[in-house]
Amino acid sequence: MKNISKILSIITGISLVLTIVSFFKDDFISTGPTLILFLILLSINLKTTKKFKGFSFTILIFAAVSISMYYPKYFVELNGFEMKKLIVPLLQIIMFGMGTAMSFKDFYGVIKMPKGVFIGLVCQFSIMPILGFTLASIFNFPAEIAAGVILIGSSPSGLASNVMAYLAKANIALSVTLTAFATLLAPIMTPFLMKYLAGSFVPIDFFGMMISILKIVILPVFLGLVFNYFFHGKAKWLDKSMPIISMAGIAIIIMIITAAGRDSLLTIGGFLILAAIIHNLLGYLLGYWGCRLFKMKEQDCRTIAFEVGMQNGGLATGIALEMGKISTVGLAPAIFGPWMNISGSSLATWWRDKSIKK
């Protein structure tokens, strides 16, 4: 096993060198395959390490993005079939998996932790949408790209925040409860925020967006909750396979979005990445210190920092598709998603090693 790991590391290093050489030689055609090979091998190598295996999936997403950037035609249309038609069914499967990982008891947390839930929800649906609008205006993005930045900020948190809360030794019960309630409020809050913040950039159909969220998120999550209620522990094959299916679905969705918006990414991709980093880091910072102002426990502050800073990119992607603007409005969720996983994993690892003062 060690010999295989060494061989993989050597091949990874060689592919990195070849990528760098091709890049400086301006050999675009050769850079693609070597870059993709390097990222895939790096992902496999990280998976075998104890400390960095959490970054394996994120690196794999970068490999997927690279594939769709270099070979976009395969992810736009295949034998006459428009690949974007796969996005909503894949999202519904992912949200169903999210539902199976939750239970109806998660909604009782508001009774036990009303202060934390209230502050968390207020921070989530105020800080991030306003930051999104501010950054979209400062960077002067094209109208539909700007709407995408606001959309990701107006989306609720996802299950990734629960994982990060667990890794950071935060309040997992509060994290799960906040995710559950934020998802439940999304059909009202997301269209409302989009109407009043993104309405100046693109026309927003409030009720149409509400129906889209109910179809893409609420219904599959509810079915997942029901499935978990009746079959909890009886379908272990599903518990093991859903995370893999979800990760594969996320990768495919990002590849389709990247291919569709490739031209826009080549012109404003760098600024969009910078906006993603600022938006996300300020979310963690303001979420954490906002809770400190209310003298909340350290664990609760960490939890709400993740809930505020990490959004459900899948929901934002689905809405962009329903708006018929996957190649523009959908770009921000495709960029913000991978970055949130990188920053979230890093912050969780840092907090995990810091003792919580009583």
Protein backbone atom coordinates (compact mmCIF):
# COMPACT_ATOMS: atom_id res chain seq x y z
CA MET A 1 0.00 0.00 0.00
CA LYS A 2 2.85 2.39 0.85
CA ASN A 3 4.53 1.61 -2.48
CA ILE A 4 1.33 2.47 -4.37
CA SER A 5 1.07 5.73 -2.41
CA LYS A 6 4.68 6.62 -3.29
CA ILE A 7 4.10 5.87 -6.98
CA LEU A 8 0.96 8.04 -6.97
CA SER A 9 2.88 10.86 -5.30
CA ILE A 10 5.65 10.66 -7.90
CA ILE A 11 3.18 10.69 -10.81
CA THR A 12 1.34 13.60 -9.17
CA GLY A 13 4.58 15.55 -8.92
CA ILE A 14 5.49 14.80 -12.56
CA SER A 15 2.06 15.92 -13.77
CA LEU A 16 2.42 19.17 -11.79
CA VAL A 17 5.82 19.88 -13.37
CA LEU A 18 4.44 19.17 -16.86
CA THR A 19 1.49 21.49 -16.16
CA ILE A 20 3.78 24.34 -15.07
CA VAL A 21 6.06 23.85 -18.10
CA SER A 22 3.08 23.82 -20.51
CA PHE A 23 1.64 26.92 -18.86
CA PHE A 24 4.81 28.98 -19.26
CA LYS A 25 5.18 27.76 -22.84
CA ASP A 26 1.60 29.02 -23.52
CA ASP A 27 0.74 25.52 -24.70
CA PHE A 28 -3.00 25.63 -23.92
CA ILE A 29 -3.73 22.20 -25.45
CA SER A 30 -1.10 20.35 -23.39
CA THR A 31 -1.84 22.21 -20.15
CA GLY A 32 -5.41 20.87 -19.95
CA PRO A 33 -4.76 17.10 -19.73
CA THR A 34 -1.77 17.47 -17.37
CA LEU A 35 -3.67 19.87 -15.08
CA ILE A 36 -6.68 17.56 -14.93
CA LEU A 37 -4.45 14.53 -14.24
CA PHE A 38 -2.60 16.44 -11.50
CA LEU A 39 -5.83 17.47 -9.73
CA ILE A 40 -7.34 13.96 -9.89
CA LEU A 41 -4.15 12.35 -8.55
CA LEU A 42 -3.83 15.03 -5.86
CA SER A 43 -7.40 14.31 -4.76
CA ILE A 44 -6.62 10.58 -4.50
CA ASN A 45 -3.42 11.31 -2.55
CA LEU A 46 -5.21 13.59 -0.10
CA LYS A 47 -7.85 10.92 0.47
CA THR A 48 -5.15 8.62 1.86
CA THR A 49 -3.97 11.19 4.43
CA LYS A 50 -5.61 11.65 7.81
CA LYS A 51 -5.10 15.40 8.12
CA PHE A 52 -6.04 16.56 4.61
CA LYS A 53 -8.57 13.99 3.41
CA GLY A 54 -11.36 16.52 3.98
CA PHE A 55 -9.99 18.53 1.04
CA SER A 56 -10.08 15.57 -1.36
CA PHE A 57 -13.58 16.25 -2.69
CA THR A 58 -12.89 19.96 -3.14
CA ILE A 59 -9.80 19.20 -5.26
CA LEU A 60 -11.91 16.77 -7.27
CA ILE A 61 -14.37 19.61 -7.93
CA PHE A 62 -11.50 21.71 -9.28
CA ALA A 63 -10.64 18.80 -11.58
CA ALA A 64 -14.26 18.70 -12.75
CA VAL A 65 -14.22 22.46 -13.40
CA SER A 66 -10.97 22.09 -15.38
CA ILE A 67 -12.48 19.32 -17.52
CA SER A 68 -15.53 21.43 -18.38
CA MET A 69 -13.39 24.51 -19.07
CA TYR A 70 -11.15 22.66 -21.52
CA TYR A 71 -13.84 20.42 -23.05
CA PRO A 72 -17.11 22.38 -22.65
CA LYS A 73 -18.97 20.92 -25.64
CA TYR A 74 -19.45 17.56 -23.88
CA PHE A 75 -21.29 19.23 -20.99
CA VAL A 76 -23.52 21.58 -22.98
CA GLU A 77 -25.12 19.09 -25.34
CA LEU A 78 -24.60 15.37 -25.87
CA ASN A 79 -26.17 13.64 -28.87
CA GLY A 80 -28.85 16.31 -29.06
CA PHE A 81 -29.65 16.16 -25.32
CA GLU A 82 -29.24 19.43 -23.37
CA MET A 83 -27.17 18.56 -20.31
CA LYS A 84 -28.72 21.36 -18.23
CA LYS A 85 -31.92 19.27 -18.06
CA LEU A 86 -30.09 17.00 -15.60
CA ILE A 87 -29.61 19.77 -13.03
CA VAL A 88 -33.04 19.81 -11.36
CA PRO A 89 -33.38 15.98 -11.06
CA LEU A 90 -29.85 15.78 -9.63
CA LEU A 91 -30.62 18.57 -7.15
CA GLN A 92 -33.80 16.81 -6.06
CA ILE A 93 -31.82 13.61 -5.42
CA ILE A 94 -29.24 15.59 -3.41
CA MET A 95 -31.98 17.32 -1.37
CA PHE A 96 -33.68 13.96 -0.76
CA GLY A 97 -30.35 12.74 0.62
CA MET A 98 -30.22 15.85 2.82
CA GLY A 99 -33.67 14.95 4.16
CA THR A 100 -32.61 11.37 4.98
CA ALA A 101 -29.76 12.80 7.06
CA MET A 102 -32.23 14.84 9.14
CA SER A 103 -35.21 14.00 11.35
CA PHE A 104 -38.38 15.74 12.51
CA LYS A 105 -36.73 16.08 15.93
CA ASP A 106 -34.34 18.61 14.44
CA PHE A 107 -37.21 21.10 14.29
CA TYR A 108 -37.77 20.80 18.06
CA GLY A 109 -34.42 22.49 18.68
CA VAL A 110 -36.09 25.90 18.50
CA ILE A 111 -37.81 25.12 21.81
CA LYS A 112 -34.52 24.24 23.51
CA MET A 113 -32.40 26.98 21.91
CA PRO A 114 -34.75 29.84 20.93
CA LYS A 115 -32.11 32.59 21.34
CA GLY A 116 -29.51 30.81 19.20
CA VAL A 117 -32.01 29.91 16.47
CA PHE A 118 -33.46 33.43 16.32
CA ILE A 119 -30.06 35.20 16.20
CA GLY A 120 -28.72 32.65 13.72
CA LEU A 121 -31.63 33.08 11.30
CA VAL A 122 -31.55 36.89 11.54
CA CYS A 123 -27.80 36.93 10.85
CA GLN A 124 -28.12 34.49 7.98
CA PHE A 125 -30.91 36.29 6.14
CA SER A 126 -29.48 39.78 6.67
CA ILE A 127 -25.67 39.69 6.59
CA MET A 128 -25.15 37.55 3.50
CA PRO A 129 -27.78 39.08 1.17
CA ILE A 130 -26.61 42.61 2.00
CA LEU A 131 -22.98 41.60 1.51
CA GLY A 132 -23.92 40.02 -1.83
CA PHE A 133 -25.65 43.19 -3.01
CA THR A 134 -22.76 45.38 -1.81
CA LEU A 135 -20.08 43.28 -3.52
CA ALA A 136 -22.07 42.99 -6.75
CA SER A 137 -22.34 46.78 -6.83
CA ILE A 138 -18.67 47.42 -5.92
CA PHE A 139 -17.34 45.00 -8.54
CA ASN A 140 -19.83 46.37 -11.07
CA PHE A 141 -20.65 42.91 -12.40
CA PRO A 142 -22.95 42.52 -15.42
CA ALA A 143 -26.59 42.51 -14.27
CA GLU A 144 -27.19 38.75 -14.37
CA ILE A 145 -23.83 37.89 -12.77
CA ALA A 146 -24.63 40.41 -10.00
CA ALA A 147 -28.01 38.76 -9.46
CA GLY A 148 -26.21 35.42 -9.01
CA VAL A 149 -23.99 36.87 -6.27
CA ILE A 150 -27.06 38.17 -4.44
CA LEU A 151 -28.83 34.83 -4.99
CA ILE A 152 -26.10 32.79 -3.29
CA GLY A 153 -26.18 35.26 -0.39
CA SER A 154 -29.96 34.95 -0.11
CA SER A 155 -29.90 31.14 0.02
CA PRO A 156 -30.12 29.15 3.28
CA SER A 157 -27.30 27.04 4.70
CA GLY A 158 -26.81 23.43 3.67
CA LEU A 159 -25.61 20.20 5.27
CA ALA A 160 -21.96 21.20 4.71
CA SER A 161 -22.28 23.66 7.60
CA ASN A 162 -23.35 20.80 9.89
CA VAL A 163 -20.24 18.82 8.98
CA MET A 164 -18.02 21.84 9.64
CA ALA A 165 -19.73 22.45 13.00
CA TYR A 166 -18.98 18.85 13.96
CA LEU A 167 -15.31 19.17 12.95
CA ALA A 168 -14.95 22.49 14.83
CA LYS A 169 -16.40 21.05 18.07
CA ALA A 170 -19.28 23.53 17.80
CA ASN A 171 -22.96 23.10 18.76
CA ILE A 172 -24.09 20.42 16.29
CA ALA A 173 -27.69 20.40 17.54
CA LEU A 174 -27.98 24.16 16.93
CA SER A 175 -26.35 23.78 13.51
CA VAL A 176 -28.81 21.11 12.38
CA THR A 177 -31.77 23.07 13.75
CA LEU A 178 -30.67 26.27 11.98
CA THR A 179 -30.21 24.41 8.69
CA ALA A 180 -33.66 22.86 9.05
CA PHE A 181 -35.41 26.16 9.79
CA ALA A 182 -33.45 28.15 7.21
CA THR A 183 -34.45 25.57 4.57
CA LEU A 184 -38.06 25.79 5.73
CA LEU A 185 -38.01 29.60 5.45
CA ALA A 186 -36.26 29.61 2.06
CA PRO A 187 -39.47 29.60 -0.08
CA ILE A 188 -40.41 32.94 1.49
CA MET A 189 -37.10 34.60 2.39
CA THR A 190 -35.08 33.88 -0.74
CA PRO A 191 -37.65 35.24 -3.24
CA PHE A 192 -38.31 38.22 -0.93
CA LEU A 193 -34.62 39.13 -0.69
CA MET A 194 -34.10 38.59 -4.41
CA LYS A 195 -37.11 40.78 -5.23
CA TYR A 196 -35.83 43.73 -3.21
CA LEU A 197 -32.06 43.36 -3.66
CA ALA A 198 -31.65 41.79 -7.11
CA GLY A 199 -34.78 43.31 -8.66
CA SER A 200 -32.75 46.28 -9.83
CA PHE A 201 -30.49 43.95 -11.84
CA VAL A 202 -32.93 41.41 -13.34
CA PRO A 203 -36.74 40.88 -13.25
CA ILE A 204 -37.71 38.62 -10.32
CA ASP A 205 -40.84 36.46 -10.34
CA PHE A 206 -41.55 36.15 -6.59
CA PHE A 207 -44.19 33.40 -6.78
CA GLY A 208 -42.39 31.57 -9.58
CA MET A 209 -39.23 31.44 -7.47
CA MET A 210 -41.23 30.30 -4.45
CA ILE A 211 -42.69 27.39 -6.43
CA SER A 212 -39.23 26.49 -7.76
CA ILE A 213 -37.82 26.28 -4.21
CA LEU A 214 -40.76 24.17 -3.05
CA LYS A 215 -40.18 21.80 -5.98
CA ILE A 216 -36.39 21.64 -5.81
CA VAL A 217 -35.82 21.70 -2.05
CA ILE A 218 -38.83 21.47 0.25
CA LEU A 219 -40.60 18.50 -1.39
CA PRO A 220 -37.46 16.29 -1.74
CA VAL A 221 -36.29 17.16 1.80
CA PHE A 222 -39.76 16.35 3.19
CA LEU A 223 -39.78 13.01 1.36
CA GLY A 224 -36.30 12.32 2.77
CA LEU A 225 -37.55 13.12 6.29
CA VAL A 226 -40.50 10.76 5.85
CA PHE A 227 -38.22 8.04 4.49
CA ASN A 228 -35.87 8.47 7.46
CA TYR A 229 -38.81 8.35 9.89
CA PHE A 230 -40.12 5.01 8.59
CA PHE A 231 -36.91 3.33 7.45
CA HIS A 232 -34.24 4.70 9.80
CA GLY A 233 -31.56 2.02 10.17
CA LYS A 234 -33.36 -0.33 7.77
CA ALA A 235 -31.74 0.87 4.55
CA LYS A 236 -28.04 0.99 5.41
CA TRP A 237 -27.15 0.71 1.73
CA LEU A 238 -28.87 4.05 1.18
CA ASP A 239 -27.06 5.71 4.09
CA LYS A 240 -23.73 4.63 2.59
CA SER A 241 -24.55 5.44 -1.03
CA MET A 242 -26.30 8.82 -0.67
CA PRO A 243 -23.14 10.81 0.22
CA ILE A 244 -21.37 9.34 -2.83
CA ILE A 245 -24.38 10.00 -5.08
CA SER A 246 -24.66 13.55 -3.73
CA MET A 247 -20.98 14.30 -4.32
CA ALA A 248 -21.16 12.91 -7.86
CA GLY A 249 -24.32 14.96 -8.49
CA ILE A 250 -22.65 18.17 -7.25
CA ALA A 251 -19.63 17.54 -9.49
CA ILE A 252 -21.82 16.97 -12.58
CA ILE A 253 -23.91 20.08 -11.87
CA ILE A 254 -20.82 22.27 -11.49
CA MET A 255 -19.38 20.89 -14.74
CA ILE A 256 -22.59 21.70 -16.63
CA ILE A 257 -22.75 25.25 -15.21
CA THR A 258 -19.06 25.88 -15.88
CA ALA A 259 -19.37 24.70 -19.48
CA ALA A 260 -22.47 26.85 -20.05
CA GLY A 261 -20.82 29.98 -18.63
CA ARG A 262 -17.28 29.33 -19.87
CA ASP A 263 -17.03 32.54 -21.93
CA SER A 264 -18.18 34.71 -19.02
CA LEU A 265 -15.78 32.95 -16.65
CA LEU A 266 -12.83 33.65 -18.95
CA THR A 267 -13.56 37.39 -18.76
CA ILE A 268 -14.70 37.95 -15.15
CA GLY A 269 -13.77 34.68 -13.43
CA GLY A 270 -10.94 36.23 -11.38
CA PHE A 271 -13.15 38.99 -9.98
CA LEU A 272 -15.92 36.49 -9.22
CA ILE A 273 -13.47 34.32 -7.27
CA LEU A 274 -12.30 37.38 -5.32
CA ALA A 275 -15.93 38.32 -4.56
CA ALA A 276 -16.56 34.74 -3.36
CA ILE A 277 -13.61 34.87 -0.97
CA ILE A 278 -14.59 38.27 0.49
CA HIS A 279 -18.28 37.35 0.79
CA ASN A 280 -17.57 34.05 2.52
CA LEU A 281 -14.89 35.30 4.94
CA LEU A 282 -16.95 38.31 5.98
CA GLY A 283 -19.86 35.93 6.58
CA TYR A 284 -17.77 33.91 9.06
CA LEU A 285 -16.39 37.06 10.69
CA LEU A 286 -19.68 38.94 11.09
CA GLY A 287 -21.60 35.80 12.05
CA TYR A 288 -19.13 34.95 14.80
CA TRP A 289 -18.67 38.43 16.26
CA GLY A 290 -22.36 39.23 15.91
CA CYS A 291 -23.02 36.38 18.32
CA ARG A 292 -20.22 37.47 20.61
CA LEU A 293 -21.99 40.83 20.95
CA PHE A 294 -24.98 38.95 22.36
CA LYS A 295 -22.65 37.12 24.79
CA MET A 296 -23.42 33.69 23.36
CA LYS A 297 -21.32 30.62 24.16
CA GLU A 298 -18.19 30.03 22.10
CA GLN A 299 -19.65 26.83 20.62
CA ASP A 300 -22.79 28.67 19.53
CA CYS A 301 -20.72 31.50 17.99
CA ARG A 302 -18.72 29.00 15.95
CA THR A 303 -21.91 27.28 14.83
CA ILE A 304 -23.60 30.45 13.63
CA ALA A 305 -20.40 31.56 11.88
CA PHE A 306 -20.65 28.44 9.68
CA GLU A 307 -24.41 28.79 9.19
CA VAL A 308 -23.98 32.40 8.06
CA GLY A 309 -20.85 31.90 5.95
CA MET A 310 -21.88 28.74 4.08
CA GLN A 311 -24.88 28.74 1.73
CA ASN A 312 -26.79 26.05 -0.16
CA GLY A 313 -25.22 26.44 -3.59
CA GLY A 314 -27.44 23.68 -4.98
CA LEU A 315 -30.59 25.66 -4.27
CA ALA A 316 -29.11 28.77 -5.90
CA THR A 317 -28.17 26.71 -8.96
CA GLY A 318 -31.68 25.30 -9.27
CA ILE A 319 -33.23 28.75 -9.06
CA ALA A 320 -30.84 30.06 -11.72
CA LEU A 321 -31.91 27.22 -14.02
CA GLU A 322 -35.59 27.86 -13.37
CA MET A 323 -34.95 31.52 -14.26
CA GLY A 324 -33.47 30.34 -17.56
CA LYS A 325 -30.13 31.99 -16.73
CA ILE A 326 -27.90 29.08 -15.75
CA SER A 327 -24.93 30.40 -17.76
CA THR A 328 -24.95 33.79 -15.97
CA VAL A 329 -26.93 33.81 -12.70
CA GLY A 330 -25.71 30.25 -12.08
CA LEU A 331 -22.02 31.16 -12.24
CA ALA A 332 -21.74 32.59 -8.72
CA PRO A 333 -23.07 29.40 -7.04
CA ALA A 334 -20.62 27.34 -9.12
CA ILE A 335 -17.68 29.50 -7.97
CA PHE A 336 -18.78 30.13 -4.38
CA GLY A 337 -19.54 26.46 -3.62
CA PRO A 338 -16.02 24.97 -3.92
CA TRP A 339 -14.48 27.95 -2.14
CA MET A 340 -16.88 27.59 0.81
CA ASN A 341 -15.77 23.97 1.22
CA ILE A 342 -12.10 24.99 1.25
CA SER A 343 -12.54 27.84 3.73
CA GLY A 344 -15.03 25.92 5.88
CA SER A 345 -12.72 22.91 6.18
CA SER A 346 -9.76 25.15 7.02
CA LEU A 347 -11.66 27.12 9.66
CA ALA A 348 -13.10 23.95 11.20
CA THR A 349 -9.62 22.38 11.42
CA TRP A 350 -8.22 25.53 13.05
CA TRP A 351 -11.05 25.73 15.60
CA ARG A 352 -10.81 22.01 16.33
CA ASP A 353 -7.30 22.53 17.69
CA LYS A 354 -8.29 25.53 19.80
CA SER A 355 -9.68 24.68 23.23
CA ILE A 356 -13.04 26.19 24.17
CA LYS A 357 -12.83 28.36 27.28
CA LYS A 358 -15.50 27.58 29.82
